């Protein structure tokens, strides 16, 4: 028995497929979602989404958003999401350096600018940590992209 999983970011569908389990970084902690799960709506933290099917795991970074769980489908509406295999390490590292340099200059007069810099640093650190931890592997066959 499987559960449908759809991960959608603001600009594209990141993943669609039938999987055995979805692991989400929910607001209250990590959540494992199996087929026939009770309905749930949760905010998502910056973190890792894992989907598994037939012992194969695919890993995605997510930078906030919401997840709706129904007994037969998990829908993730992410502020930003990407497959770990698609992360450009040089670009993520450059973004981290830019954010650190901007924050090192001191607090900007505009609070929104500070929050944007802080979010950029968190996102680039998440992306780099995901690549370090999970590495880049060939695309799994059950992803329907």
C-alpha atoms as a PDB file:
ATOM      1  CA  UNK A   1       0.000   0.000   0.000  1.00  0.00           C
ATOM      2  CA  UNK A   2       1.310   3.470  -0.893  1.00  0.00           C
ATOM      3  CA  UNK A   3       0.429   7.093  -0.307  1.00  0.00           C
ATOM      4  CA  UNK A   4       0.600   9.820  -2.951  1.00  0.00           C
ATOM      5  CA  UNK A   5       3.084  12.612  -2.234  1.00  0.00           C
ATOM      6  CA  UNK A   6       3.167  15.986  -3.962  1.00  0.00           C
ATOM      7  CA  UNK A   7       5.811  18.570  -3.096  1.00  0.00           C
ATOM      8  CA  UNK A   8       5.181  21.941  -4.721  1.00  0.00           C
ATOM      9  CA  UNK A   9       7.280  25.087  -4.322  1.00  0.00           C
ATOM     10  CA  UNK A  10       6.246  28.567  -5.401  1.00  0.00           C
ATOM     11  CA  UNK A  11       7.666  28.113  -8.892  1.00  0.00           C
ATOM     12  CA  UNK A  12       7.361  24.403  -9.728  1.00  0.00           C
ATOM     13  CA  UNK A  13       6.346  20.894  -8.809  1.00  0.00           C
ATOM     14  CA  UNK A  14       9.381  19.388  -7.102  1.00  0.00           C
ATOM     15  CA  UNK A  15       8.116  15.815  -6.649  1.00  0.00           C
ATOM     16  CA  UNK A  16       5.050  13.737  -7.399  1.00  0.00           C
ATOM     17  CA  UNK A  17       4.855  10.019  -6.768  1.00  0.00           C
ATOM     18  CA  UNK A  18       3.393   7.116  -4.824  1.00  0.00           C
ATOM     19  CA  UNK A  19       5.573   6.268  -1.814  1.00  0.00           C
ATOM     20  CA  UNK A  20       5.611   4.027   1.249  1.00  0.00           C
ATOM     21  CA  UNK A  21       6.343   6.802   3.785  1.00  0.00           C
ATOM     22  CA  UNK A  22       6.842  10.572   3.907  1.00  0.00           C
ATOM     23  CA  UNK A  23       8.883  12.145   6.717  1.00  0.00           C
ATOM     24  CA  UNK A  24       8.221  15.874   7.253  1.00  0.00           C
ATOM     25  CA  UNK A  25       9.792  18.580   9.456  1.00  0.00           C
ATOM     26  CA  UNK A  26       6.526  19.622  11.096  1.00  0.00           C
ATOM     27  CA  UNK A  27       6.205  22.612  13.409  1.00  0.00           C
ATOM     28  CA  UNK A  28       5.961  20.295  16.425  1.00  0.00           C
ATOM     29  CA  UNK A  29       8.765  17.969  15.264  1.00  0.00           C
ATOM     30  CA  UNK A  30       9.490  15.314  12.678  1.00  0.00           C
ATOM     31  CA  UNK A  31       6.394  13.497  11.406  1.00  0.00           C
ATOM     32  CA  UNK A  32       6.274  10.117   9.682  1.00  0.00           C
ATOM     33  CA  UNK A  33       3.269   9.763   7.379  1.00  0.00           C
ATOM     34  CA  UNK A  34       2.111   6.317   6.264  1.00  0.00           C
ATOM     35  CA  UNK A  35      -0.818   5.345   4.026  1.00  0.00           C
ATOM     36  CA  UNK A  36      -4.229   5.776   5.720  1.00  0.00           C
ATOM     37  CA  UNK A  37      -2.867   8.453   8.081  1.00  0.00           C
ATOM     38  CA  UNK A  38      -5.417  10.611   9.866  1.00  0.00           C
ATOM     39  CA  UNK A  39      -5.994  14.045   8.310  1.00  0.00           C
ATOM     40  CA  UNK A  40      -3.543  16.671   9.564  1.00  0.00           C
ATOM     41  CA  UNK A  41      -2.577  20.202   8.586  1.00  0.00           C
ATOM     42  CA  UNK A  42       0.837  21.383   9.800  1.00  0.00           C
ATOM     43  CA  UNK A  43       3.226  24.244   9.276  1.00  0.00           C
ATOM     44  CA  UNK A  44       6.679  23.174   8.116  1.00  0.00           C
ATOM     45  CA  UNK A  45      10.016  24.265   9.559  1.00  0.00           C
ATOM     46  CA  UNK A  46      13.201  24.650   7.562  1.00  0.00           C
ATOM     47  CA  UNK A  47      14.363  21.066   7.217  1.00  0.00           C
ATOM     48  CA  UNK A  48      14.441  17.830   5.289  1.00  0.00           C
ATOM     49  CA  UNK A  49      11.587  15.902   3.673  1.00  0.00           C
ATOM     50  CA  UNK A  50      12.286  12.230   3.004  1.00  0.00           C
ATOM     51  CA  UNK A  51      10.174   9.991   0.819  1.00  0.00           C
ATOM     52  CA  UNK A  52      10.769   6.231   0.642  1.00  0.00           C
ATOM     53  CA  UNK A  53       9.529   3.538  -1.681  1.00  0.00           C
ATOM     54  CA  UNK A  54      10.762  -0.038  -1.915  1.00  0.00           C
ATOM     55  CA  UNK A  55      13.746   0.780   0.298  1.00  0.00           C
ATOM     56  CA  UNK A  56      14.880   3.707  -1.880  1.00  0.00           C
ATOM     57  CA  UNK A  57      14.931   7.158  -0.328  1.00  0.00           C
ATOM     58  CA  UNK A  58      14.716  10.548  -1.977  1.00  0.00           C
ATOM     59  CA  UNK A  59      15.577  13.672   0.028  1.00  0.00           C
ATOM     60  CA  UNK A  60      14.390  17.278  -0.369  1.00  0.00           C
ATOM     61  CA  UNK A  61      15.136  20.503   1.452  1.00  0.00           C
ATOM     62  CA  UNK A  62      12.165  22.643   2.454  1.00  0.00           C
ATOM     63  CA  UNK A  63      12.265  26.232   3.665  1.00  0.00           C
ATOM     64  CA  UNK A  64       8.914  26.578   5.376  1.00  0.00           C
ATOM     65  CA  UNK A  65       5.395  26.123   4.102  1.00  0.00           C
ATOM     66  CA  UNK A  66       2.497  23.866   5.000  1.00  0.00           C
ATOM     67  CA  UNK A  67       1.634  20.203   4.589  1.00  0.00           C
ATOM     68  CA  UNK A  68      -1.846  18.754   4.296  1.00  0.00           C
ATOM     69  CA  UNK A  69      -2.143  15.060   5.091  1.00  0.00           C
ATOM     70  CA  UNK A  70      -5.128  13.005   3.969  1.00  0.00           C
ATOM     71  CA  UNK A  71      -5.403   9.195   4.187  1.00  0.00           C
ATOM     72  CA  UNK A  72      -4.318   8.766   0.550  1.00  0.00           C
ATOM     73  CA  UNK A  73      -2.230  11.900  -0.208  1.00  0.00           C
ATOM     74  CA  UNK A  74       0.343  14.239   1.350  1.00  0.00           C
ATOM     75  CA  UNK A  75       0.443  17.690  -0.240  1.00  0.00           C
ATOM     76  CA  UNK A  76       3.374  19.940   0.623  1.00  0.00           C
ATOM     77  CA  UNK A  77       3.054  23.607  -0.329  1.00  0.00           C
ATOM     78  CA  UNK A  78       6.577  24.863   0.317  1.00  0.00           C
ATOM     79  CA  UNK A  79       7.910  28.389   0.412  1.00  0.00           C
ATOM     80  CA  UNK A  80      11.015  26.876  -1.241  1.00  0.00           C
ATOM     81  CA  UNK A  81      11.933  23.242  -1.890  1.00  0.00           C
ATOM     82  CA  UNK A  82      14.403  21.274  -3.958  1.00  0.00           C
ATOM     83  CA  UNK A  83      15.771  17.796  -4.378  1.00  0.00           C
ATOM     84  CA  UNK A  84      19.150  17.430  -2.678  1.00  0.00           C
ATOM     85  CA  UNK A  85      20.528  16.045  -5.964  1.00  0.00           C
ATOM     86  CA  UNK A  86      19.720  19.363  -7.667  1.00  0.00           C
ATOM     87  CA  UNK A  87      21.554  21.603  -5.194  1.00  0.00           C
ATOM     88  CA  UNK A  88      24.347  23.632  -6.736  1.00  0.00           C
ATOM     89  CA  UNK A  89      26.956  23.519  -3.968  1.00  0.00           C
ATOM     90  CA  UNK A  90      28.976  26.470  -5.274  1.00  0.00           C
ATOM     91  CA  UNK A  91      25.851  28.636  -5.545  1.00  0.00           C
ATOM     92  CA  UNK A  92      24.665  27.661  -2.046  1.00  0.00           C
ATOM     93  CA  UNK A  93      28.093  28.383  -0.577  1.00  0.00           C
ATOM     94  CA  UNK A  94      28.259  31.761  -2.369  1.00  0.00           C
ATOM     95  CA  UNK A  95      24.816  32.637  -0.968  1.00  0.00           C
ATOM     96  CA  UNK A  96      25.992  31.682   2.518  1.00  0.00           C
ATOM     97  CA  UNK A  97      29.077  33.901   2.207  1.00  0.00           C
ATOM     98  CA  UNK A  98      27.002  36.855   0.907  1.00  0.00           C
ATOM     99  CA  UNK A  99      24.510  36.512   3.760  1.00  0.00           C
ATOM    100  CA  UNK A 100      27.246  36.224   6.393  1.00  0.00           C
ATOM    101  CA  UNK A 101      29.040  39.303   4.994  1.00  0.00           C
ATOM    102  CA  UNK A 102      25.812  41.311   4.931  1.00  0.00           C
ATOM    103  CA  UNK A 103      25.004  40.343   8.523  1.00  0.00           C
ATOM    104  CA  UNK A 104      28.574  41.098   9.636  1.00  0.00           C
ATOM    105  CA  UNK A 105      28.163  44.713   8.448  1.00  0.00           C
ATOM    106  CA  UNK A 106      25.672  45.263  11.242  1.00  0.00           C
ATOM    107  CA  UNK A 107      21.959  45.541  11.578  1.00  0.00           C
ATOM    108  CA  UNK A 108      20.273  47.227   8.637  1.00  0.00           C
ATOM    109  CA  UNK A 109      17.859  50.064   9.362  1.00  0.00           C
ATOM    110  CA  UNK A 110      15.079  48.012   7.788  1.00  0.00           C
ATOM    111  CA  UNK A 111      13.944  45.043   9.900  1.00  0.00           C
ATOM    112  CA  UNK A 112      12.579  43.265   6.800  1.00  0.00           C
ATOM    113  CA  UNK A 113      16.018  43.434   5.162  1.00  0.00           C
ATOM    114  CA  UNK A 114      17.575  41.843   8.255  1.00  0.00           C
ATOM    115  CA  UNK A 115      14.992  39.053   8.301  1.00  0.00           C
ATOM    116  CA  UNK A 116      15.575  38.416   4.579  1.00  0.00           C
ATOM    117  CA  UNK A 117      19.347  38.139   5.142  1.00  0.00           C
ATOM    118  CA  UNK A 118      18.831  35.841   8.102  1.00  0.00           C
ATOM    119  CA  UNK A 119      16.456  33.627   6.069  1.00  0.00           C
ATOM    120  CA  UNK A 120      18.948  33.497   3.184  1.00  0.00           C
ATOM    121  CA  UNK A 121      21.663  32.345   5.595  1.00  0.00           C
ATOM    122  CA  UNK A 122      19.397  29.669   7.110  1.00  0.00           C
ATOM    123  CA  UNK A 123      18.395  28.430   3.651  1.00  0.00           C
ATOM    124  CA  UNK A 124      21.965  28.236   2.326  1.00  0.00           C
ATOM    125  CA  UNK A 125      23.145  26.462   5.499  1.00  0.00           C
ATOM    126  CA  UNK A 126      20.256  23.985   5.187  1.00  0.00           C
ATOM    127  CA  UNK A 127      21.137  23.270   1.554  1.00  0.00           C
ATOM    128  CA  UNK A 128      24.848  22.765   2.319  1.00  0.00           C
ATOM    129  CA  UNK A 129      24.108  20.546   5.331  1.00  0.00           C
ATOM    130  CA  UNK A 130      21.677  18.440   3.273  1.00  0.00           C
ATOM    131  CA  UNK A 131      24.304  17.833   0.584  1.00  0.00           C
ATOM    132  CA  UNK A 132      26.926  17.023   3.211  1.00  0.00           C
ATOM    133  CA  UNK A 133      24.603  14.638   5.013  1.00  0.00           C
ATOM    134  CA  UNK A 134      22.769  12.961   2.156  1.00  0.00           C
ATOM    135  CA  UNK A 135      25.052  13.592  -0.827  1.00  0.00           C
ATOM    136  CA  UNK A 136      24.045  13.663  -4.447  1.00  0.00           C
ATOM    137  CA  UNK A 137      22.738  10.385  -5.818  1.00  0.00           C
ATOM    138  CA  UNK A 138      21.130   9.347  -9.104  1.00  0.00           C
ATOM    139  CA  UNK A 139      17.473  10.222  -9.519  1.00  0.00           C
ATOM    140  CA  UNK A 140      15.167   7.548  -8.175  1.00  0.00           C
ATOM    141  CA  UNK A 141      12.921   5.752 -10.671  1.00  0.00           C
ATOM    142  CA  UNK A 142       9.624   6.436  -8.890  1.00  0.00           C
ATOM    143  CA  UNK A 143       9.758  10.222  -9.214  1.00  0.00           C
ATOM    144  CA  UNK A 144       7.405  11.400 -11.957  1.00  0.00           C
ATOM    145  CA  UNK A 145       9.068  14.684 -12.866  1.00  0.00           C
END
